[in-house]
Amino acid sequence: MSAADPATRIIAIRHGETAWNVDTRIQGQLDIGLNETGHWQAQRLARAMADECLDAVYSSDLARARETAQVLANGVGLEVRVDSDLRERGFGIFEGLTYAEIERRFPDEARRWRQRDASFGPAGGERLQGFYQRAVGAVAAIAARHRGQHIAVVTHGGVLDALYRAASRVALDAPRTWQVGNASINRLLASDEGFVLVGWADAFHLEDPALDEASDVTS
């Protein structure tokens, strides 16, 4: 990275918790909103990031991400910019099912999914390789529009997984050994050379009791 190629600082955030997260039910591109815990997590996130001096807040167009992003944006005095390319992977016939139901109803497809077969996509859904290219490409395009600035991107677990792999040069078929927790804070730098990992899975704001005494952030 150089003065001619200033890095964009990115805070990448997974949406707050939903009832389907609790039930281990695949949401994919179904439009599920936050549950009570998810709204609380969004408030905690906004309080923790109130002094970040962000230049822009982007969000997936799905409700669980938009609701999280709106609380954050309100806290820093910005509008939410919606980008549908930040959506979660489309899981087709898996959507609405629990992991156990997928294993029982679609054992062959479930095996290829577990093995992270890059060419596999559930019927009606996206192939892993195509999803990876969409997700990483979307964040790279946003970063290019904000060279040298500081932005937040509120998105989904699959998108965060793709960003971690892109920044850490981890293969698509490698098992995931990192967390993608709801409302956690993940930091990257982006330039024409790609992504660089700065910090990952910071969830202290969800554990710090001092934040309970902070003034409310408008939701």
Protein backbone atom coordinates (compact mmCIF):
# COMPACT_ATOMS: atom_id res chain seq x y z
CA MET A 1 0.00 0.00 0.00
CA SER A 2 1.29 3.45 -0.88
CA ALA A 3 0.25 7.09 -0.98
CA ALA A 4 -0.97 6.47 -4.51
CA ASP A 5 -3.05 3.54 -3.28
CA PRO A 6 -4.46 4.61 0.10
CA ALA A 7 -6.12 1.85 2.09
CA THR A 8 -9.77 1.87 3.01
CA ARG A 9 -10.38 0.93 6.63
CA ILE A 10 -13.32 -1.45 6.87
CA ILE A 11 -15.28 -2.57 9.91
CA ALA A 12 -17.17 -5.67 8.77
CA ILE A 13 -20.10 -6.67 10.99
CA ARG A 14 -22.46 -9.60 11.01
CA HIS A 15 -26.08 -8.70 11.76
CA GLY A 16 -27.50 -9.21 15.24
CA GLU A 17 -29.13 -12.43 16.33
CA THR A 18 -32.39 -13.74 14.87
CA ALA A 19 -34.76 -16.43 16.09
CA TRP A 20 -33.55 -18.60 13.22
CA ASN A 21 -29.95 -18.27 14.38
CA VAL A 22 -31.06 -19.69 17.72
CA ASP A 23 -32.92 -22.54 16.00
CA THR A 24 -29.92 -23.30 13.69
CA ARG A 25 -32.27 -22.72 10.76
CA ILE A 26 -30.78 -21.67 7.40
CA GLN A 27 -31.88 -18.16 6.53
CA GLY A 28 -29.98 -17.59 3.30
CA GLN A 29 -31.82 -14.85 1.43
CA LEU A 30 -35.10 -15.20 3.33
CA ASP A 31 -35.91 -11.89 5.01
CA ILE A 32 -35.81 -12.60 8.73
CA GLY A 33 -35.66 -9.73 11.23
CA LEU A 34 -33.76 -9.45 14.51
CA ASN A 35 -35.02 -11.00 17.71
CA GLU A 36 -34.90 -9.23 21.09
CA THR A 37 -31.29 -10.25 21.67
CA GLY A 38 -30.38 -9.03 18.18
CA HIS A 39 -31.80 -5.58 18.88
CA TRP A 40 -29.86 -5.44 22.16
CA GLN A 41 -26.68 -6.46 20.33
CA ALA A 42 -27.22 -3.71 17.76
CA GLN A 43 -27.53 -1.13 20.56
CA ARG A 44 -24.34 -2.40 22.18
CA LEU A 45 -22.55 -2.29 18.83
CA ALA A 46 -23.64 1.31 18.21
CA ARG A 47 -22.45 2.41 21.64
CA ALA A 48 -19.07 0.75 21.13
CA MET A 49 -18.61 2.41 17.73
CA ALA A 50 -19.90 5.88 18.60
CA ASP A 51 -16.41 7.40 18.38
CA GLU A 52 -15.23 5.62 15.22
CA CYS A 53 -15.57 8.69 12.90
CA LEU A 54 -17.05 6.65 10.07
CA ASP A 55 -17.45 8.08 6.58
CA ALA A 56 -20.17 5.65 5.44
CA VAL A 57 -22.32 2.75 6.63
CA TYR A 58 -23.30 0.06 4.14
CA SER A 59 -25.73 -2.81 4.60
CA SER A 60 -27.18 -5.82 2.90
CA ASP A 61 -30.78 -5.23 1.90
CA LEU A 62 -32.05 -8.06 4.12
CA ALA A 63 -33.92 -6.93 7.24
CA ARG A 64 -31.61 -8.48 9.84
CA ALA A 65 -28.64 -6.55 8.43
CA ARG A 66 -30.57 -3.33 7.72
CA GLU A 67 -31.97 -3.22 11.25
CA THR A 68 -28.49 -3.66 12.72
CA ALA A 69 -26.99 -1.08 10.37
CA GLN A 70 -29.71 1.49 11.08
CA VAL A 71 -28.98 1.50 14.81
CA LEU A 72 -25.27 1.89 14.08
CA ALA A 73 -25.86 4.64 11.52
CA ASN A 74 -28.13 6.56 13.88
CA GLY A 75 -25.41 6.51 16.49
CA VAL A 76 -22.80 8.08 14.18
CA GLY A 77 -25.16 10.43 12.31
CA LEU A 78 -25.06 8.73 8.90
CA GLU A 79 -27.55 7.25 6.44
CA VAL A 80 -27.50 3.54 5.62
CA ARG A 81 -26.43 2.77 2.06
CA VAL A 82 -28.06 -0.49 0.93
CA ASP A 83 -26.30 -2.90 -1.44
CA SER A 84 -28.04 -6.16 -2.39
CA ASP A 85 -24.70 -7.73 -3.34
CA LEU A 86 -23.92 -7.85 0.40
CA ARG A 87 -26.69 -10.45 0.83
CA GLU A 88 -26.06 -13.85 2.36
CA ARG A 89 -25.49 -16.78 0.03
CA GLY A 90 -28.65 -18.07 -1.59
CA PHE A 91 -29.24 -21.57 -0.20
CA GLY A 92 -32.20 -22.59 -2.34
CA ILE A 93 -33.88 -25.74 -1.03
CA PHE A 94 -31.92 -25.53 2.24
CA GLU A 95 -33.54 -22.25 3.25
CA GLY A 96 -35.95 -22.50 6.16
CA LEU A 97 -34.56 -25.87 7.28
CA THR A 98 -32.45 -26.71 10.32
CA TYR A 99 -29.08 -28.40 9.90
CA ALA A 100 -30.63 -31.67 11.14
CA GLU A 101 -33.47 -31.43 8.62
CA ILE A 102 -31.02 -30.83 5.78
CA GLU A 103 -28.97 -33.88 6.78
CA ARG A 104 -32.09 -36.02 6.88
CA ARG A 105 -33.78 -34.78 3.69
CA PHE A 106 -30.76 -34.12 1.47
CA PRO A 107 -27.87 -36.33 2.67
CA ASP A 108 -25.82 -36.17 -0.55
CA GLU A 109 -26.19 -32.41 -0.88
CA ALA A 110 -25.44 -31.99 2.83
CA ARG A 111 -22.19 -33.93 2.42
CA ARG A 112 -20.99 -31.70 -0.42
CA TRP A 113 -21.97 -28.64 1.60
CA ARG A 114 -20.03 -29.85 4.65
CA GLN A 115 -17.01 -30.57 2.47
CA ARG A 116 -17.13 -27.00 1.13
CA ASP A 117 -17.24 -28.14 -2.47
CA ALA A 118 -16.68 -24.87 -4.36
CA SER A 119 -18.72 -26.07 -7.35
CA PHE A 120 -21.72 -27.09 -5.24
CA GLY A 121 -24.88 -25.09 -4.79
CA PRO A 122 -28.19 -26.38 -3.37
CA ALA A 123 -30.97 -26.51 -5.96
CA GLY A 124 -32.19 -22.96 -6.46
CA GLY A 125 -29.19 -21.54 -4.62
CA GLU A 126 -25.69 -20.23 -5.33
CA ARG A 127 -22.54 -22.22 -5.90
CA LEU A 128 -19.92 -21.51 -3.26
CA GLN A 129 -17.39 -20.17 -5.77
CA GLY A 130 -19.91 -17.80 -7.32
CA PHE A 131 -21.04 -16.57 -3.92
CA TYR A 132 -17.44 -15.95 -2.85
CA GLN A 133 -16.77 -13.87 -5.95
CA ARG A 134 -19.97 -11.86 -5.45
CA ALA A 135 -19.34 -11.18 -1.76
CA VAL A 136 -15.66 -10.27 -2.00
CA GLY A 137 -16.28 -8.28 -5.18
CA ALA A 138 -19.07 -6.27 -3.55
CA VAL A 139 -16.93 -5.21 -0.60
CA ALA A 140 -13.94 -4.49 -2.86
CA ALA A 141 -16.12 -2.22 -5.02
CA ILE A 142 -17.42 -0.36 -1.96
CA ALA A 143 -13.86 0.04 -0.64
CA ALA A 144 -12.70 1.44 -3.99
CA ARG A 145 -15.36 4.16 -3.74
CA HIS A 146 -14.02 5.18 -0.34
CA ARG A 147 -10.25 5.13 -0.78
CA GLY A 148 -8.49 6.36 2.33
CA GLN A 149 -11.74 6.51 4.31
CA HIS A 150 -13.23 4.56 7.20
CA ILE A 151 -16.42 2.59 6.54
CA ALA A 152 -18.69 0.00 8.16
CA VAL A 153 -20.25 -2.86 6.23
CA VAL A 154 -23.11 -4.75 7.92
CA THR A 155 -23.67 -8.09 6.30
CA HIS A 156 -23.92 -11.85 6.95
CA GLY A 157 -21.89 -14.76 8.25
CA GLY A 158 -21.13 -16.17 4.83
CA VAL A 159 -19.88 -12.82 3.55
CA LEU A 160 -17.64 -12.42 6.61
CA ASP A 161 -16.27 -15.91 6.05
CA ALA A 162 -15.44 -14.97 2.45
CA LEU A 163 -13.71 -11.76 3.55
CA TYR A 164 -11.63 -13.61 6.14
CA ARG A 165 -10.52 -16.12 3.51
CA ALA A 166 -9.69 -13.37 1.03
CA ALA A 167 -7.65 -11.43 3.58
CA SER A 168 -5.89 -14.47 5.04
CA ARG A 169 -5.42 -16.33 1.73
CA VAL A 170 -7.33 -19.35 3.04
CA ALA A 171 -8.72 -21.80 0.47
CA LEU A 172 -12.47 -22.08 -0.02
CA ASP A 173 -12.48 -25.77 0.90
CA ALA A 174 -10.49 -25.28 4.14
CA PRO A 175 -12.51 -25.84 7.34
CA ARG A 176 -13.52 -22.68 9.16
CA THR A 177 -11.50 -22.22 12.35
CA TRP A 178 -12.50 -18.59 13.03
CA GLN A 179 -15.63 -17.10 14.53
CA VAL A 180 -18.27 -15.03 12.73
CA GLY A 181 -20.35 -14.02 15.75
CA ASN A 182 -23.49 -11.92 15.61
CA ALA A 183 -22.71 -8.19 15.99
CA SER A 184 -18.97 -8.80 16.44
CA ILE A 185 -16.46 -6.24 15.12
CA ASN A 186 -14.02 -7.32 12.41
CA ARG A 187 -11.41 -4.97 10.93
CA LEU A 188 -9.73 -5.08 7.53
CA LEU A 189 -7.79 -2.85 5.18
CA ALA A 190 -8.57 -2.83 1.46
CA SER A 191 -6.47 -1.56 -1.43
CA ASP A 192 -5.80 -2.48 -5.05
CA GLU A 193 -3.58 -5.26 -3.67
CA GLY A 194 -6.54 -6.87 -1.90
CA PHE A 195 -7.64 -7.25 1.69
CA VAL A 196 -5.50 -7.36 4.82
CA LEU A 197 -6.77 -8.66 8.16
CA VAL A 198 -6.32 -6.22 11.07
CA GLY A 199 -8.52 -7.68 13.82
CA TRP A 200 -11.23 -10.30 14.05
CA ALA A 201 -14.17 -11.37 16.23
CA ASP A 202 -14.04 -8.53 18.75
CA ALA A 203 -17.11 -9.08 20.93
CA PHE A 204 -16.02 -7.21 24.07
CA HIS A 205 -18.84 -4.70 23.59
CA LEU A 206 -21.32 -7.55 24.05
CA GLU A 207 -19.74 -8.45 27.39
CA ASP A 208 -18.81 -5.07 28.90
CA PRO A 209 -21.30 -4.16 31.69
CA ALA A 210 -20.20 -0.52 31.53
CA LEU A 211 -22.11 -0.14 28.28
CA ASP A 212 -25.35 -0.76 30.17
CA GLU A 213 -24.84 2.62 31.79
CA ALA A 214 -24.32 4.43 28.48
CA SER A 215 -27.08 6.63 27.12
CA ASP A 216 -29.49 4.94 24.75
CA VAL A 217 -28.88 5.01 21.01
CA THR A 218 -31.97 5.69 18.94
CA SER A 219 -33.11 2.54 17.13
